[in-house]
Amino acid sequence: MNWNSDIIKSLTWSENIINREGKEKVADEIANKVKSGDVLGIGSGSTSYLALLAIAKKVKAENLQIKAIPTSIEISLTCSELGIPVTTLYENKPDWLFDGADEVDPYNRLIKGRGGAMFKEKLMIRSSPVNYILVDDSKLVKKLGSKFPVPIEVFPQALLEVESKLKQMGATELNLRPAKGKDGPVVTENGNLILDARFGEIGDDLEQRIKSITGVIESGLFIGHNVEILVA
């Protein structure tokens, strides 16, 4: 028996989508890669959302059978709205993944996590043999960290310990990310907080150094991961 939910039926993206036309082109490119039987890892963000819409059209037109492993609540809800079956890493390993990024440097090093889902996104990238990162050219940077800080998901009671260790690592600015739709800080889907950290230089070892701090769940640095960049 279906819920027949008006909430699900009325879902829309929460903000205006910048460069929608370009993102829709790369979304169509991703949709063309889908074949029946695929298990897809689906990242967060507006480009992933548009790709999911394009995939849903192809699935319906060609009667394809696929499954999705979403990385966020909003993408899970969108899958429900579009009639795409959802599974988990308990049941399935993704055949391939698509996701967005906030920054991409010339060496395919990424900053992700403006949507706060970097832990699940990194877990999915680690689990998937093929990973497509969908961006528009505004996300391409010469120097990582030039536009956005590095998001760091932190266990709440470890907040001050993590702050101290990040300062020792050279963080030049640290901010507890505030929420927009509630009082107080952002709380992630895992029940944690997010620190946004700026560094003068981001070396190849910084991702692992941050992760080594007790209380850090994950960071938004993706360095040395197996990714292919598709630019809208």
Protein backbone atom coordinates (compact mmCIF):
# COMPACT_ATOMS: atom_id res chain seq x y z
CA MET A 1 0.00 0.00 0.00
CA ASN A 2 1.40 3.41 -0.99
CA TRP A 3 1.42 6.48 1.24
CA ASN A 4 0.13 8.73 -1.56
CA SER A 5 2.17 11.52 0.05
CA ASP A 6 1.62 15.12 -1.01
CA ILE A 7 5.01 15.97 0.53
CA ILE A 8 6.85 13.59 -1.79
CA LYS A 9 4.83 14.70 -4.82
CA SER A 10 5.63 18.39 -4.20
CA LEU A 11 9.40 18.02 -3.73
CA THR A 12 11.53 20.62 -5.50
CA TRP A 13 15.18 21.68 -5.26
CA SER A 14 15.69 24.01 -2.29
CA GLU A 15 17.50 26.80 -4.18
CA ASN A 16 17.79 28.27 -7.66
CA ILE A 17 20.16 26.16 -9.74
CA ILE A 18 23.05 28.18 -11.18
CA ASN A 19 24.06 27.37 -14.80
CA ARG A 20 21.13 25.02 -15.10
CA GLU A 21 21.41 24.66 -18.87
CA GLY A 22 25.04 23.54 -18.70
CA LYS A 23 24.34 21.19 -15.80
CA GLU A 24 21.43 19.64 -17.66
CA LYS A 25 23.77 18.83 -20.59
CA VAL A 26 26.17 16.94 -18.35
CA ALA A 27 23.17 15.34 -16.62
CA ASP A 28 22.05 13.98 -19.99
CA GLU A 29 25.59 12.67 -20.57
CA ILE A 30 25.39 10.75 -17.29
CA ALA A 31 21.90 9.43 -18.08
CA ASN A 32 23.21 8.00 -21.36
CA LYS A 33 25.62 5.81 -19.36
CA VAL A 34 22.82 4.06 -17.45
CA LYS A 35 21.93 0.50 -18.41
CA SER A 36 19.48 -1.99 -16.97
CA GLY A 37 20.79 -3.77 -13.88
CA ASP A 38 23.02 -0.90 -12.74
CA VAL A 39 23.39 -0.06 -9.07
CA LEU A 40 24.17 3.66 -8.92
CA GLY A 41 25.82 5.59 -6.14
CA ILE A 42 24.19 9.02 -6.15
CA GLY A 43 25.89 12.03 -4.62
CA SER A 44 24.35 15.23 -3.34
CA GLY A 45 23.97 18.70 -4.80
CA SER A 46 22.09 20.36 -7.64
CA THR A 47 24.00 18.69 -10.48
CA SER A 48 23.38 15.23 -9.03
CA TYR A 49 19.73 16.18 -8.64
CA LEU A 50 19.45 17.15 -12.32
CA ALA A 51 21.27 13.97 -13.35
CA LEU A 52 18.79 11.94 -11.32
CA LEU A 53 15.88 13.64 -13.14
CA ALA A 54 17.46 12.78 -16.51
CA ILE A 55 18.05 9.18 -15.43
CA ALA A 56 14.45 8.82 -14.29
CA LYS A 57 13.24 9.87 -17.76
CA LYS A 58 15.45 7.26 -19.42
CA VAL A 59 14.41 4.56 -16.95
CA LYS A 60 10.75 5.23 -17.69
CA ALA A 61 11.19 5.50 -21.47
CA GLU A 62 13.26 2.32 -21.77
CA ASN A 63 11.74 0.37 -18.87
CA LEU A 64 15.13 -0.09 -17.23
CA GLN A 65 15.64 -1.85 -13.91
CA ILE A 66 18.13 0.01 -11.70
CA LYS A 67 18.80 0.60 -8.02
CA ALA A 68 20.18 3.69 -6.27
CA ILE A 69 22.32 4.17 -3.18
CA PRO A 70 21.77 7.82 -2.15
CA THR A 71 24.19 9.81 -0.01
CA SER A 72 21.66 12.22 1.49
CA ILE A 73 18.07 12.48 2.68
CA GLU A 74 17.08 14.86 -0.12
CA ILE A 75 18.35 12.48 -2.80
CA SER A 76 16.60 9.55 -1.07
CA LEU A 77 13.33 11.50 -1.11
CA THR A 78 13.84 12.43 -4.77
CA CYS A 79 14.38 8.76 -5.65
CA SER A 80 11.08 8.00 -3.93
CA GLU A 81 9.35 10.76 -5.88
CA LEU A 82 10.76 9.45 -9.18
CA GLY A 83 10.02 5.79 -8.47
CA ILE A 84 13.67 4.70 -8.40
CA PRO A 85 14.24 1.81 -5.96
CA VAL A 86 16.70 2.56 -3.17
CA THR A 87 19.15 0.08 -1.69
CA THR A 88 22.09 0.29 0.74
CA LEU A 89 25.72 -0.77 0.97
CA TYR A 90 24.54 -3.70 3.10
CA GLU A 91 22.78 -5.21 0.09
CA ASN A 92 24.69 -3.87 -2.91
CA LYS A 93 27.98 -2.46 -4.11
CA PRO A 94 27.64 0.42 -6.61
CA ASP A 95 28.63 -0.28 -10.21
CA TRP A 96 29.43 3.40 -10.62
CA LEU A 97 28.78 6.74 -8.98
CA PHE A 98 28.05 10.31 -9.95
CA ASP A 99 28.45 13.30 -7.65
CA GLY A 100 29.28 17.00 -7.67
CA ALA A 101 32.08 19.06 -6.13
CA ASP A 102 32.61 22.56 -4.79
CA GLU A 103 36.16 22.89 -6.12
CA VAL A 104 38.34 20.88 -8.52
CA ASP A 105 42.01 21.72 -9.04
CA PRO A 106 44.22 20.77 -12.05
CA TYR A 107 45.22 17.51 -10.30
CA ASN A 108 41.60 16.38 -9.76
CA ARG A 109 41.83 17.10 -6.06
CA LEU A 110 38.41 18.06 -4.72
CA ILE A 111 36.70 20.01 -1.99
CA LYS A 112 33.20 18.70 -1.30
CA GLY A 113 30.74 18.96 1.55
CA ARG A 114 28.98 22.29 1.18
CA GLY A 115 25.80 20.20 1.49
CA GLY A 116 27.15 18.50 4.61
CA ALA A 117 27.16 14.93 3.22
CA MET A 118 30.91 14.41 2.76
CA PHE A 119 31.12 11.31 5.00
CA LYS A 120 28.59 9.31 2.96
CA GLU A 121 29.95 10.74 -0.30
CA LYS A 122 33.48 9.63 0.52
CA LEU A 123 32.27 6.21 1.66
CA MET A 124 30.48 5.83 -1.66
CA ILE A 125 33.51 6.91 -3.71
CA ARG A 126 35.65 4.42 -1.81
CA SER A 127 33.09 1.70 -2.51
CA SER A 128 32.62 2.40 -6.22
CA PRO A 129 35.02 1.30 -8.99
CA VAL A 130 34.02 4.20 -11.31
CA ASN A 131 33.28 7.75 -10.11
CA TYR A 132 32.07 10.66 -12.24
CA ILE A 133 32.32 14.15 -10.74
CA LEU A 134 29.94 16.60 -12.41
CA VAL A 135 30.83 20.31 -12.25
CA ASP A 136 30.43 23.53 -14.18
CA ASP A 137 33.49 25.61 -15.01
CA SER A 138 32.95 27.88 -11.99
CA LYS A 139 34.11 24.96 -9.82
CA LEU A 140 37.50 24.69 -11.57
CA VAL A 141 40.27 26.38 -9.55
CA LYS A 142 44.02 26.72 -9.91
CA LYS A 143 44.55 26.42 -6.15
CA LEU A 144 42.45 24.20 -3.89
CA GLY A 145 40.78 26.20 -1.14
CA SER A 146 40.77 29.48 -3.06
CA LYS A 147 36.95 29.77 -3.05
CA PHE A 148 35.66 27.49 -0.33
CA PRO A 149 36.87 26.36 3.09
CA VAL A 150 37.40 22.69 3.90
CA PRO A 151 34.32 21.23 5.62
CA ILE A 152 35.11 18.94 8.55
CA GLU A 153 32.48 16.77 10.23
CA VAL A 154 33.14 16.62 13.96
CA PHE A 155 31.68 14.60 16.83
CA PRO A 156 30.08 17.34 18.99
CA GLN A 157 31.95 16.70 22.25
CA ALA A 158 35.26 16.67 20.38
CA LEU A 159 34.69 20.14 18.93
CA LEU A 160 37.26 22.05 21.01
CA GLU A 161 39.90 19.31 20.80
CA VAL A 162 39.52 19.27 17.03
CA GLU A 163 39.70 23.08 16.92
CA SER A 164 43.00 22.98 18.85
CA LYS A 165 44.54 20.33 16.59
CA LEU A 166 43.45 22.09 13.39
CA LYS A 167 45.10 25.30 14.56
CA GLN A 168 48.31 23.31 15.10
CA MET A 169 47.99 22.05 11.51
CA GLY A 170 47.95 25.62 10.22
CA ALA A 171 44.25 26.41 9.90
CA THR A 172 44.01 30.18 9.39
CA GLU A 173 40.25 30.41 10.00
CA LEU A 174 37.74 28.11 11.70
CA ASN A 175 33.98 28.60 11.76
CA LEU A 176 31.22 26.43 13.17
CA ARG A 177 28.75 26.23 10.30
CA PRO A 178 25.43 27.85 11.24
CA ALA A 179 22.09 26.46 10.13
CA LYS A 180 19.66 28.44 7.97
CA GLY A 181 16.39 26.71 8.78
CA LYS A 182 16.92 26.26 12.52
CA ASP A 183 18.57 28.03 15.43
CA GLY A 184 22.14 27.03 16.18
CA PRO A 185 24.66 25.07 14.10
CA VAL A 186 24.13 22.67 11.23
CA VAL A 187 23.64 19.11 12.45
CA THR A 188 24.61 16.48 9.88
CA GLU A 189 22.64 13.36 9.01
CA ASN A 190 25.01 11.53 11.36
CA GLY A 191 24.20 13.88 14.25
CA ASN A 192 27.51 15.74 14.11
CA LEU A 193 28.71 19.34 13.64
CA ILE A 194 30.61 20.92 10.74
CA LEU A 195 33.68 23.11 11.06
CA ASP A 196 34.64 25.09 7.97
CA ALA A 197 38.43 25.47 7.95
CA ARG A 198 40.70 27.57 5.75
CA PHE A 199 44.34 26.70 5.15
CA GLY A 200 47.02 28.73 3.40
CA GLU A 201 48.25 25.63 1.60
CA ILE A 202 46.58 22.26 1.09
CA GLY A 203 49.21 19.57 0.72
CA ASP A 204 48.54 16.05 -0.50
CA ASP A 205 48.79 14.73 3.08
CA LEU A 206 46.30 17.15 4.65
CA GLU A 207 43.26 14.91 4.12
CA GLN A 208 44.84 12.08 6.11
CA ARG A 209 46.26 14.41 8.76
CA ILE A 210 42.82 15.88 9.42
CA LYS A 211 41.24 12.43 9.53
CA SER A 212 43.81 11.34 12.15
CA ILE A 213 42.40 13.77 14.72
CA THR A 214 40.29 11.99 17.31
CA GLY A 215 36.73 13.26 16.93
CA VAL A 216 36.93 14.01 13.20
CA ILE A 217 34.40 11.87 11.35
CA GLU A 218 35.42 13.00 7.86
CA SER A 219 36.64 16.00 5.88
CA GLY A 220 35.57 17.45 2.56
CA LEU A 221 39.04 16.99 1.07
CA PHE A 222 39.12 14.31 -1.64
CA ILE A 223 42.77 13.86 -2.64
CA GLY A 224 44.08 10.95 -4.67
CA HIS A 225 40.68 9.38 -5.23
CA ASN A 226 39.70 7.57 -8.41
CA VAL A 227 37.53 10.19 -10.15
CA GLU A 228 36.73 11.33 -13.67
CA ILE A 229 35.73 14.99 -14.04
CA LEU A 230 32.87 15.89 -16.39
CA VAL A 231 32.55 19.65 -16.93
CA ALA A 232 29.21 21.21 -17.86
